[in-house]
Structure formats: structure tokens, C-alpha cells
Amino acid sequence: MKKSLALLGLLVILTSCATVGQRLSQISPGMTKPQVIQILGKPHSTGGVSGVEVIHYIQDDGGWRNSYFFVRFVEGKVESYGSETRANPVTDSHPPIKK
């Protein structure tokens, strides 16, 4: 029993240490914002207008390096997600929304 609890505890610790980039693979089109936040955690920033919202995440990669990720929602559902650059962030209108 103690061995099972120890393994369960280790699994929880290892799972919680997954990076935003690794957890992004659990996101899929059609998910809601609360579902995404449950997986990725609290976003660094949010923005949007007219039924389109984008949430942004920054992952500290160490050594003064960061990775940037976004999730874009249209009418409350994931429309697109992935990596972005600091110089070219995803917005409510760029790139064009997938139909």
C-alpha cells in the first residue's frame, strides 16, 4: 500500500512539472476556456474583441530564454493554438480566423 501511494505521489509531481509546451498537446479544437485553463494553468495575458479571445502563456526555458504559446477562442471554443513569437503574437484578427 505504501509503495502504491509513493508511486501515485511521484506521478502527481511529474505530471505537474510538465511544461506549457508539453501540456499544449492535450488541447483540441472545440474545448472551452475553463477546460484549457484547467490543463495549462492561468494565462500570462488575455485579449480580444467581438467573440474572439486569445490567451497567452510564457514558458521560462532558463538562461534568459522564453517560449511563447497562445490559445485562440471563437465564440467560447478553441479555434487554434500553438507557439508564437514575441515579435509576432497571435491576436483576435491575425492570422485570419479559420472558417
PDB file of N, CA and C in Angstrom:
ATOM      1  N   MET A   1       0.825  -1.196   0.000  1.00  0.00           N
ATOM      2  CA  MET A   1       0.000   0.000   0.000  1.00  0.00           C
ATOM      3  C   MET A   1       0.871   1.263   0.000  1.00  0.00           C
ATOM      4  N   LYS A   2       1.916   1.272   0.828  1.00  0.00           N
ATOM      5  CA  LYS A   2       2.800   2.438   0.889  1.00  0.00           C
ATOM      6  C   LYS A   2       3.505   2.659  -0.446  1.00  0.00           C
ATOM      7  N   LYS A   3       3.859   1.555  -1.096  1.00  0.00           N
ATOM      8  CA  LYS A   3       4.529   1.656  -2.392  1.00  0.00           C
ATOM      9  C   LYS A   3       3.591   2.281  -3.428  1.00  0.00           C
ATOM     10  N   SER A   4       2.313   1.905  -3.401  1.00  0.00           N
ATOM     11  CA  SER A   4       1.329   2.462  -4.328  1.00  0.00           C
ATOM     12  C   SER A   4       1.146   3.956  -4.100  1.00  0.00           C
ATOM     13  N   LEU A   5       1.079   4.359  -2.838  1.00  0.00           N
ATOM     14  CA  LEU A   5       0.934   5.785  -2.523  1.00  0.00           C
ATOM     15  C   LEU A   5       2.167   6.575  -2.955  1.00  0.00           C
ATOM     16  N   ALA A   6       3.331   5.999  -2.767  1.00  0.00           N
ATOM     17  CA  ALA A   6       4.562   6.669  -3.182  1.00  0.00           C
ATOM     18  C   ALA A   6       4.592   6.849  -4.698  1.00  0.00           C
ATOM     19  N   LEU A   7       4.186   5.824  -5.434  1.00  0.00           N
ATOM     20  CA  LEU A   7       4.149   5.917  -6.897  1.00  0.00           C
ATOM     21  C   LEU A   7       3.123   6.940  -7.360  1.00  0.00           C
ATOM     22  N   LEU A   8       1.966   6.969  -6.698  1.00  0.00           N
ATOM     23  CA  LEU A   8       0.942   7.945  -7.035  1.00  0.00           C
ATOM     24  C   LEU A   8       1.454   9.362  -6.782  1.00  0.00           C
ATOM     25  N   GLY A   9       2.120   9.564  -5.661  1.00  0.00           N
ATOM     26  CA  GLY A   9       2.690  10.876  -5.346  1.00  0.00           C
ATOM     27  C   GLY A   9       3.722  11.296  -6.371  1.00  0.00           C
ATOM     28  N   LEU A  10       4.571  10.385  -6.785  1.00  0.00           N
ATOM     29  CA  LEU A  10       5.582  10.677  -7.800  1.00  0.00           C
ATOM     30  C   LEU A  10       4.936  11.034  -9.131  1.00  0.00           C
ATOM     31  N   LEU A  11       3.880  10.319  -9.503  1.00  0.00           N
ATOM     32  CA  LEU A  11       3.161  10.607 -10.740  1.00  0.00           C
ATOM     33  C   LEU A  11       2.575  12.013 -10.714  1.00  0.00           C
ATOM     34  N   VAL A  12       1.978  12.392  -9.597  1.00  0.00           N
ATOM     35  CA  VAL A  12       1.409  13.740  -9.465  1.00  0.00           C
ATOM     36  C   VAL A  12       2.497  14.797  -9.608  1.00  0.00           C
ATOM     37  N   ILE A  13       3.631  14.582  -8.975  1.00  0.00           N
ATOM     38  CA  ILE A  13       4.736  15.542  -9.050  1.00  0.00           C
ATOM     39  C   ILE A  13       5.249  15.657 -10.481  1.00  0.00           C
ATOM     40  N   LEU A  14       5.474  14.539 -11.144  1.00  0.00           N
ATOM     41  CA  LEU A  14       5.994  14.568 -12.515  1.00  0.00           C
ATOM     42  C   LEU A  14       5.008  15.194 -13.477  1.00  0.00           C
ATOM     43  N   THR A  15       3.732  14.928 -13.307  1.00  0.00           N
ATOM     44  CA  THR A  15       2.713  15.494 -14.185  1.00  0.00           C
ATOM     45  C   THR A  15       2.625  16.995 -14.010  1.00  0.00           C
ATOM     46  N   SER A  16       2.721  17.471 -12.782  1.00  0.00           N
ATOM     47  CA  SER A  16       2.605  18.903 -12.530  1.00  0.00           C
ATOM     48  C   SER A  16       3.819  19.664 -13.040  1.00  0.00           C
ATOM     49  N   CYS A  17       4.922  18.988 -13.267  1.00  0.00           N
ATOM     50  CA  CYS A  17       6.135  19.644 -13.747  1.00  0.00           C
ATOM     51  C   CYS A  17       6.185  19.763 -15.268  1.00  0.00           C
ATOM     52  N   ALA A  18       5.207  19.217 -15.960  1.00  0.00           N
ATOM     53  CA  ALA A  18       5.192  19.300 -17.417  1.00  0.00           C
ATOM     54  C   ALA A  18       5.119  20.765 -17.841  1.00  0.00           C
ATOM     55  N   THR A  19       5.817  21.103 -18.897  1.00  0.00           N
ATOM     56  CA  THR A  19       5.831  22.482 -19.375  1.00  0.00           C
ATOM     57  C   THR A  19       4.539  22.812 -20.114  1.00  0.00           C
ATOM     58  N   VAL A  20       4.313  24.100 -20.305  1.00  0.00           N
ATOM     59  CA  VAL A  20       3.142  24.534 -21.070  1.00  0.00           C
ATOM     60  C   VAL A  20       3.200  23.913 -22.461  1.00  0.00           C
ATOM     61  N   GLY A  21       4.363  23.934 -23.072  1.00  0.00           N
ATOM     62  CA  GLY A  21       4.509  23.354 -24.404  1.00  0.00           C
ATOM     63  C   GLY A  21       4.149  21.880 -24.451  1.00  0.00           C
ATOM     64  N   GLN A  22       4.496  21.137 -23.410  1.00  0.00           N
ATOM     65  CA  GLN A  22       4.159  19.711 -23.358  1.00  0.00           C
ATOM     66  C   GLN A  22       2.664  19.515 -23.124  1.00  0.00           C
ATOM     67  N   ARG A  23       2.078  20.329 -22.243  1.00  0.00           N
ATOM     68  CA  ARG A  23       0.650  20.186 -21.934  1.00  0.00           C
ATOM     69  C   ARG A  23      -0.227  20.674 -23.081  1.00  0.00           C
ATOM     70  N   LEU A  24       0.320  21.496 -23.975  1.00  0.00           N
ATOM     71  CA  LEU A  24      -0.442  22.009 -25.108  1.00  0.00           C
ATOM     72  C   LEU A  24      -0.967  20.873 -25.983  1.00  0.00           C
ATOM     73  N   SER A  25      -0.285  19.748 -25.970  1.00  0.00           N
ATOM     74  CA  SER A  25      -0.727  18.606 -26.785  1.00  0.00           C
ATOM     75  C   SER A  25      -2.064  18.038 -26.300  1.00  0.00           C
ATOM     76  N   GLN A  26      -2.491  18.417 -25.096  1.00  0.00           N
ATOM     77  CA  GLN A  26      -3.775  17.954 -24.565  1.00  0.00           C
ATOM     78  C   GLN A  26      -4.940  18.849 -24.999  1.00  0.00           C
ATOM     79  N   ILE A  27      -4.639  19.963 -25.661  1.00  0.00           N
ATOM     80  CA  ILE A  27      -5.661  20.910 -26.109  1.00  0.00           C
ATOM     81  C   ILE A  27      -6.164  20.466 -27.480  1.00  0.00           C
ATOM     82  N   SER A  28      -7.454  20.677 -27.728  1.00  0.00           N
ATOM     83  CA  SER A  28      -8.006  20.346 -29.044  1.00  0.00           C
ATOM     84  C   SER A  28      -9.095  21.361 -29.404  1.00  0.00           C
ATOM     85  N   PRO A  29      -9.327  21.558 -30.705  1.00  0.00           N
ATOM     86  CA  PRO A  29     -10.371  22.485 -31.132  1.00  0.00           C
ATOM     87  C   PRO A  29     -11.717  22.117 -30.507  1.00  0.00           C
ATOM     88  N   GLY A  30     -12.476  23.149 -30.133  1.00  0.00           N
ATOM     89  CA  GLY A  30     -13.783  22.941 -29.550  1.00  0.00           C
ATOM     90  C   GLY A  30     -13.804  22.955 -28.032  1.00  0.00           C
ATOM     91  N   MET A  31     -12.626  22.883 -27.391  1.00  0.00           N
ATOM     92  CA  MET A  31     -12.595  22.927 -25.928  1.00  0.00           C
ATOM     93  C   MET A  31     -12.988  24.319 -25.444  1.00  0.00           C
ATOM     94  N   THR A  32     -13.455  24.408 -24.210  1.00  0.00           N
ATOM     95  CA  THR A  32     -13.830  25.691 -23.614  1.00  0.00           C
ATOM     96  C   THR A  32     -12.646  26.295 -22.866  1.00  0.00           C
ATOM     97  N   LYS A  33     -12.757  27.585 -22.555  1.00  0.00           N
ATOM     98  CA  LYS A  33     -11.692  28.268 -21.829  1.00  0.00           C
ATOM     99  C   LYS A  33     -11.437  27.627 -20.461  1.00  0.00           C
ATOM    100  N   PRO A  34     -12.473  27.303 -19.670  1.00  0.00           N
ATOM    101  CA  PRO A  34     -12.195  26.646 -18.390  1.00  0.00           C
ATOM    102  C   PRO A  34     -11.460  25.310 -18.547  1.00  0.00           C
ATOM    103  N   GLN A  35     -11.770  24.555 -19.595  1.00  0.00           N
ATOM    104  CA  GLN A  35     -11.066  23.292 -19.838  1.00  0.00           C
ATOM    105  C   GLN A  35      -9.592  23.548 -20.136  1.00  0.00           C
ATOM    106  N   VAL A  36      -9.319  24.563 -20.948  1.00  0.00           N
ATOM    107  CA  VAL A  36      -7.938  24.899 -21.308  1.00  0.00           C
ATOM    108  C   VAL A  36      -7.169  25.357 -20.079  1.00  0.00           C
ATOM    109  N   ILE A  37      -7.760  26.222 -19.282  1.00  0.00           N
ATOM    110  CA  ILE A  37      -7.076  26.737 -18.097  1.00  0.00           C
ATOM    111  C   ILE A  37      -6.828  25.617 -17.091  1.00  0.00           C
ATOM    112  N   GLN A  38      -7.720  24.650 -17.027  1.00  0.00           N
ATOM    113  CA  GLN A  38      -7.505  23.510 -16.135  1.00  0.00           C
ATOM    114  C   GLN A  38      -6.254  22.736 -16.555  1.00  0.00           C
ATOM    115  N   ILE A  39      -5.991  22.659 -17.839  1.00  0.00           N
ATOM    116  CA  ILE A  39      -4.833  21.923 -18.357  1.00  0.00           C
ATOM    117  C   ILE A  39      -3.566  22.767 -18.315  1.00  0.00           C
ATOM    118  N   LEU A  40      -3.647  24.014 -18.802  1.00  0.00           N
ATOM    119  CA  LEU A  40      -2.449  24.839 -18.955  1.00  0.00           C
ATOM    120  C   LEU A  40      -2.161  25.760 -17.770  1.00  0.00           C
ATOM    121  N   GLY A  41      -3.171  26.006 -16.948  1.00  0.00           N
ATOM    122  CA  GLY A  41      -2.985  26.927 -15.837  1.00  0.00           C
ATOM    123  C   GLY A  41      -3.380  28.339 -16.229  1.00  0.00           C
ATOM    124  N   LYS A  42      -3.158  29.262 -15.299  1.00  0.00           N
ATOM    125  CA  LYS A  42      -3.534  30.659 -15.504  1.00  0.00           C
ATOM    126  C   LYS A  42      -2.677  31.279 -16.614  1.00  0.00           C
ATOM    127  N   PRO A  43      -3.317  31.940 -17.580  1.00  0.00           N
ATOM    128  CA  PRO A  43      -2.550  32.557 -18.673  1.00  0.00           C
ATOM    129  C   PRO A  43      -1.783  33.786 -18.208  1.00  0.00           C
ATOM    130  N   HIS A  44      -0.743  34.125 -18.953  1.00  0.00           N
ATOM    131  CA  HIS A  44       0.042  35.334 -18.677  1.00  0.00           C
ATOM    132  C   HIS A  44      -0.750  36.573 -19.038  1.00  0.00           C
ATOM    133  N   SER A  45      -1.491  36.519 -20.148  1.00  0.00           N
ATOM    134  CA  SER A  45      -2.310  37.650 -20.569  1.00  0.00           C
ATOM    135  C   SER A  45      -3.469  37.161 -21.431  1.00  0.00           C
ATOM    136  N   THR A  46      -4.482  38.020 -21.549  1.00  0.00           N
ATOM    137  CA  THR A  46      -5.647  37.714 -22.382  1.00  0.00           C
ATOM    138  C   THR A  46      -6.042  38.964 -23.150  1.00  0.00           C
ATOM    139  N   GLY A  47      -6.766  38.776 -24.236  1.00  0.00           N
ATOM    140  CA  GLY A  47      -7.266  39.909 -25.002  1.00  0.00           C
ATOM    141  C   GLY A  47      -8.193  39.438 -26.103  1.00  0.00           C
ATOM    142  N   GLY A  48      -8.932  40.381 -26.661  1.00  0.00           N
ATOM    143  CA  GLY A  48      -9.804  40.040 -27.773  1.00  0.00           C
ATOM    144  C   GLY A  48     -11.030  40.919 -27.830  1.00  0.00           C
ATOM    145  N   VAL A  49     -11.757  40.803 -28.930  1.00  0.00           N
ATOM    146  CA  VAL A  49     -12.985  41.564 -29.154  1.00  0.00           C
ATOM    147  C   VAL A  49     -13.961  40.740 -29.978  1.00  0.00           C
ATOM    148  N   SER A  50     -15.217  41.123 -29.948  1.00  0.00           N
ATOM    149  CA  SER A  50     -16.257  40.576 -30.836  1.00  0.00           C
ATOM    150  C   SER A  50     -16.303  39.054 -30.900  1.00  0.00           C
ATOM    151  N   GLY A  51     -16.344  38.384 -29.753  1.00  0.00           N
ATOM    152  CA  GLY A  51     -16.470  36.940 -29.742  1.00  0.00           C
ATOM    153  C   GLY A  51     -15.188  36.178 -29.990  1.00  0.00           C
ATOM    154  N   VAL A  52     -14.063  36.902 -30.103  1.00  0.00           N
ATOM    155  CA  VAL A  52     -12.764  36.256 -30.298  1.00  0.00           C
ATOM    156  C   VAL A  52     -11.873  36.649 -29.119  1.00  0.00           C
ATOM    157  N   GLU A  53     -11.282  35.655 -28.468  1.00  0.00           N
ATOM    158  CA  GLU A  53     -10.396  35.908 -27.334  1.00  0.00           C
ATOM    159  C   GLU A  53      -9.131  35.090 -27.503  1.00  0.00           C
ATOM    160  N   VAL A  54      -7.997  35.686 -27.155  1.00  0.00           N
ATOM    161  CA  VAL A  54      -6.719  34.994 -27.220  1.00  0.00           C
ATOM    162  C   VAL A  54      -6.090  35.037 -25.835  1.00  0.00           C
ATOM    163  N   ILE A  55      -5.654  33.867 -25.360  1.00  0.00           N
ATOM    164  CA  ILE A  55      -4.906  33.836 -24.109  1.00  0.00           C
ATOM    165  C   ILE A  55      -3.473  33.435 -24.432  1.00  0.00           C
ATOM    166  N   HIS A  56      -2.547  34.047 -23.705  1.00  0.00           N
ATOM    167  CA  HIS A  56      -1.119  33.859 -23.980  1.00  0.00           C
ATOM    168  C   HIS A  56      -0.405  33.282 -22.764  1.00  0.00           C
ATOM    169  N   TYR A  57       0.549  32.418 -23.031  1.00  0.00           N
ATOM    170  CA  TYR A  57       1.367  31.798 -21.993  1.00  0.00           C
ATOM    171  C   TYR A  57       2.833  32.044 -22.311  1.00  0.00           C
ATOM    172  N   ILE A  58       3.624  32.253 -21.266  1.00  0.00           N
ATOM    173  CA  ILE A  58       5.068  32.374 -21.406  1.00  0.00           C
ATOM    174  C   ILE A  58       5.697  31.264 -20.575  1.00  0.00           C
ATOM    175  N   GLN A  59       6.575  30.512 -21.196  1.00  0.00           N
ATOM    176  CA  GLN A  59       7.276  29.420 -20.524  1.00  0.00           C
ATOM    177  C   GLN A  59       8.727  29.823 -20.336  1.00  0.00           C
ATOM    178  N   ASP A  60       9.208  29.803 -19.112  1.00  0.00           N
ATOM    179  CA  ASP A  60      10.597  30.120 -18.806  1.00  0.00           C
ATOM    180  C   ASP A  60      11.455  28.901 -19.137  1.00  0.00           C
ATOM    181  N   ASP A  61      12.293  29.033 -20.154  1.00  0.00           N
ATOM    182  CA  ASP A  61      13.145  27.929 -20.575  1.00  0.00           C
ATOM    183  C   ASP A  61      14.521  27.975 -19.920  1.00  0.00           C
ATOM    184  N   GLY A  62      14.719  28.945 -19.029  1.00  0.00           N
ATOM    185  CA  GLY A  62      16.007  29.093 -18.354  1.00  0.00           C
ATOM    186  C   GLY A  62      17.008  29.844 -19.215  1.00  0.00           C
ATOM    187  N   GLY A  63      18.026  30.359 -18.572  1.00  0.00           N
ATOM    188  CA  GLY A  63      19.081  31.064 -19.315  1.00  0.00           C
ATOM    189  C   GLY A  63      18.571  32.265 -20.080  1.00  0.00           C
ATOM    190  N   TRP A  64      17.611  32.987 -19.538  1.00  0.00           N
ATOM    191  CA  TRP A  64      17.037  34.186 -20.156  1.00  0.00           C
ATOM    192  C   TRP A  64      16.290  33.884 -21.445  1.00  0.00           C
ATOM    193  N   ARG A  65      15.856  32.643 -21.613  1.00  0.00           N
ATOM    194  CA  ARG A  65      15.099  32.260 -22.811  1.00  0.00           C
ATOM    195  C   ARG A  65      13.663  31.933 -22.418  1.00  0.00           C
ATOM    196  N   ASN A  66      12.744  32.313 -23.272  1.00  0.00           N
ATOM    197  CA  ASN A  66      11.328  32.029 -23.057  1.00  0.00           C
ATOM    198  C   ASN A  66      10.721  31.432 -24.317  1.00  0.00           C
ATOM    199  N   SER A  67       9.673  30.646 -24.129  1.00  0.00           N
ATOM    200  CA  SER A  67       8.852  30.174 -25.239  1.00  0.00           C
ATOM    201  C   SER A  67       7.466  30.776 -25.056  1.00  0.00           C
ATOM    202  N   TYR A  68       6.809  31.083 -26.166  1.00  0.00           N
ATOM    203  CA  TYR A  68       5.515  31.764 -26.138  1.00  0.00           C
ATOM    204  C   TYR A  68       4.465  30.883 -26.808  1.00  0.00           C
ATOM    205  N   PHE A  69       3.289  30.798 -26.166  1.00  0.00           N
ATOM    206  CA  PHE A  69       2.202  29.969 -26.672  1.00  0.00           C
ATOM    207  C   PHE A  69       0.896  30.740 -26.597  1.00  0.00           C
ATOM    208  N   PHE A  70      -0.060  30.356 -27.442  1.00  0.00           N
ATOM    209  CA  PHE A  70      -1.368  31.017 -27.450  1.00  0.00           C
ATOM    210  C   PHE A  70      -2.467  29.969 -27.597  1.00  0.00           C
ATOM    211  N   VAL A  71      -3.655  30.361 -27.162  1.00  0.00           N
ATOM    212  CA  VAL A  71      -4.883  29.609 -27.467  1.00  0.00           C
ATOM    213  C   VAL A  71      -5.904  30.656 -27.869  1.00  0.00           C
ATOM    214  N   ARG A  72      -6.490  30.506 -29.067  1.00  0.00           N
ATOM    215  CA  ARG A  72      -7.490  31.461 -29.548  1.00  0.00           C
ATOM    216  C   ARG A  72      -8.868  30.818 -29.538  1.00  0.00           C
ATOM    217  N   PHE A  73      -9.825  31.554 -28.951  1.00  0.00           N
ATOM    218  CA  PHE A  73     -11.206  31.089 -28.841  1.00  0.00           C
ATOM    219  C   PHE A  73     -12.098  31.919 -29.749  1.00  0.00           C
ATOM    220  N   VAL A  74     -13.006  31.265 -30.437  1.00  0.00           N
ATOM    221  CA  VAL A  74     -14.038  31.943 -31.214  1.00  0.00           C
ATOM    222  C   VAL A  74     -15.366  31.452 -30.657  1.00  0.00           C
ATOM    223  N   GLU A  75     -16.191  32.399 -30.225  1.00  0.00           N
ATOM    224  CA  GLU A  75     -17.476  32.082 -29.596  1.00  0.00           C
ATOM    225  C   GLU A  75     -17.307  31.099 -28.436  1.00  0.00           C
ATOM    226  N   GLY A  76     -16.228  31.268 -27.671  1.00  0.00           N
ATOM    227  CA  GLY A  76     -16.010  30.482 -26.461  1.00  0.00           C
ATOM    228  C   GLY A  76     -15.389  29.115 -26.639  1.00  0.00           C
ATOM    229  N   LYS A  77     -15.026  28.754 -27.883  1.00  0.00           N
ATOM    230  CA  LYS A  77     -14.436  27.440 -28.152  1.00  0.00           C
ATOM    231  C   LYS A  77     -13.065  27.611 -28.807  1.00  0.00           C
ATOM    232  N   VAL A  78     -12.141  26.678 -28.508  1.00  0.00           N
ATOM    233  CA  VAL A  78     -10.803  26.735 -29.105  1.00  0.00           C
ATOM    234  C   VAL A  78     -10.919  26.658 -30.617  1.00  0.00           C
ATOM    235  N   GLU A  79     -10.327  27.649 -31.280  1.00  0.00           N
ATOM    236  CA  GLU A  79     -10.279  27.680 -32.744  1.00  0.00           C
ATOM    237  C   GLU A  79      -8.885  27.294 -33.231  1.00  0.00           C
ATOM    238  N   SER A  80      -7.860  27.769 -32.518  1.00  0.00           N
ATOM    239  CA  SER A  80      -6.482  27.440 -32.870  1.00  0.00           C
ATOM    240  C   SER A  80      -5.606  27.605 -31.640  1.00  0.00           C
ATOM    241  N   TYR A  81      -4.409  27.004 -31.692  1.00  0.00           N
ATOM    242  CA  TYR A  81      -3.480  27.068 -30.572  1.00  0.00           C
ATOM    243  C   TYR A  81      -2.102  26.667 -31.079  1.00  0.00           C
ATOM    244  N   GLY A  82      -1.082  27.017 -30.327  1.00  0.00           N
ATOM    245  CA  GLY A  82       0.271  26.643 -30.712  1.00  0.00           C
ATOM    246  C   GLY A  82       1.288  27.637 -30.197  1.00  0.00           C
ATOM    247  N   SER A  83       2.448  27.620 -30.822  1.00  0.00           N
ATOM    248  CA  SER A  83       3.511  28.530 -30.409  1.00  0.00           C
ATOM    249  C   SER A  83       3.393  29.833 -31.191  1.00  0.00           C
ATOM    250  N   GLU A  84       3.953  30.864 -30.626  1.00  0.00           N
ATOM    251  CA  GLU A  84       4.004  32.171 -31.281  1.00  0.00           C
ATOM    252  C   GLU A  84       5.345  32.800 -30.931  1.00  0.00           C
ATOM    253  N   THR A  85       5.649  33.908 -31.562  1.00  0.00           N
ATOM    254  CA  THR A  85       6.883  34.610 -31.235  1.00  0.00           C
ATOM    255  C   THR A  85       6.546  35.920 -30.537  1.00  0.00           C
ATOM    256  N   ARG A  86       7.495  36.398 -29.779  1.00  0.00           N
ATOM    257  CA  ARG A  86       7.287  37.673 -29.091  1.00  0.00           C
ATOM    258  C   ARG A  86       7.106  38.809 -30.099  1.00  0.00           C
ATOM    259  N   ALA A  87       7.801  38.727 -31.206  1.00  0.00           N
ATOM    260  CA  ALA A  87       7.736  39.777 -32.223  1.00  0.00           C
ATOM    261  C   ALA A  87       6.474  39.679 -33.082  1.00  0.00           C
ATOM    262  N   ASN A  88       5.844  38.507 -33.123  1.00  0.00           N
ATOM    263  CA  ASN A  88       4.679  38.299 -33.974  1.00  0.00           C
ATOM    264  C   ASN A  88       3.611  37.511 -33.219  1.00  0.00           C
ATOM    265  N   PRO A  89       2.985  38.124 -32.212  1.00  0.00           N
ATOM    266  CA  PRO A  89       1.989  37.384 -31.421  1.00  0.00           C
ATOM    267  C   PRO A  89       0.693  37.172 -32.193  1.00  0.00           C
ATOM    268  N   VAL A  90      -0.028  36.147 -31.807  1.00  0.00           N
ATOM    269  CA  VAL A  90      -1.340  35.881 -32.371  1.00  0.00           C
ATOM    270  C   VAL A  90      -2.332  36.833 -31.699  1.00  0.00           C
ATOM    271  N   THR A  91      -3.240  37.403 -32.490  1.00  0.00           N
ATOM    272  CA  THR A  91      -4.241  38.326 -31.963  1.00  0.00           C
ATOM    273  C   THR A  91      -5.639  37.838 -32.327  1.00  0.00           C
ATOM    274  N   ASP A  92      -6.634  38.655 -31.990  1.00  0.00           N
ATOM    275  CA  ASP A  92      -8.003  38.271 -32.327  1.00  0.00           C
ATOM    276  C   ASP A  92      -8.254  38.280 -33.831  1.00  0.00           C
ATOM    277  N   SER A  93      -7.404  38.944 -34.611  1.00  0.00           N
ATOM    278  CA  SER A  93      -7.621  39.011 -36.062  1.00  0.00           C
ATOM    279  C   SER A  93      -6.427  38.547 -36.902  1.00  0.00           C
ATOM    280  N   HIS A  94      -5.308  38.230 -36.283  1.00  0.00           N
ATOM    281  CA  HIS A  94      -4.115  37.807 -37.030  1.00  0.00           C
ATOM    282  C   HIS A  94      -3.541  36.545 -36.413  1.00  0.00           C
ATOM    283  N   PRO A  95      -3.294  35.490 -37.148  1.00  0.00           N
ATOM    284  CA  PRO A  95      -3.668  35.316 -38.543  1.00  0.00           C
ATOM    285  C   PRO A  95      -5.177  35.197 -38.692  1.00  0.00           C
ATOM    286  N   PRO A  96      -5.675  35.236 -39.923  1.00  0.00           N
ATOM    287  CA  PRO A  96      -7.128  35.159 -40.121  1.00  0.00           C
ATOM    288  C   PRO A  96      -7.724  33.929 -39.440  1.00  0.00           C
ATOM    289  N   ILE A  97      -8.928  34.087 -38.942  1.00  0.00           N
ATOM    290  CA  ILE A  97      -9.616  33.009 -38.259  1.00  0.00           C
ATOM    291  C   ILE A  97      -9.988  31.924 -39.252  1.00  0.00           C
ATOM    292  N   LYS A  98      -9.771  30.670 -38.835  1.00  0.00           N
ATOM    293  CA  LYS A  98     -10.117  29.519 -39.682  1.00  0.00           C
ATOM    294  C   LYS A  98     -11.622  29.395 -39.743  1.00  0.00           C
ATOM    295  N   LYS A  99     -12.159  29.169 -40.909  1.00  0.00           N
ATOM    296  CA  LYS A  99     -13.612  29.008 -41.084  1.00  0.00           C
ATOM    297  C   LYS A  99     -14.006  27.571 -41.066  1.00  0.00           C
TER     298      LYS A  99
END
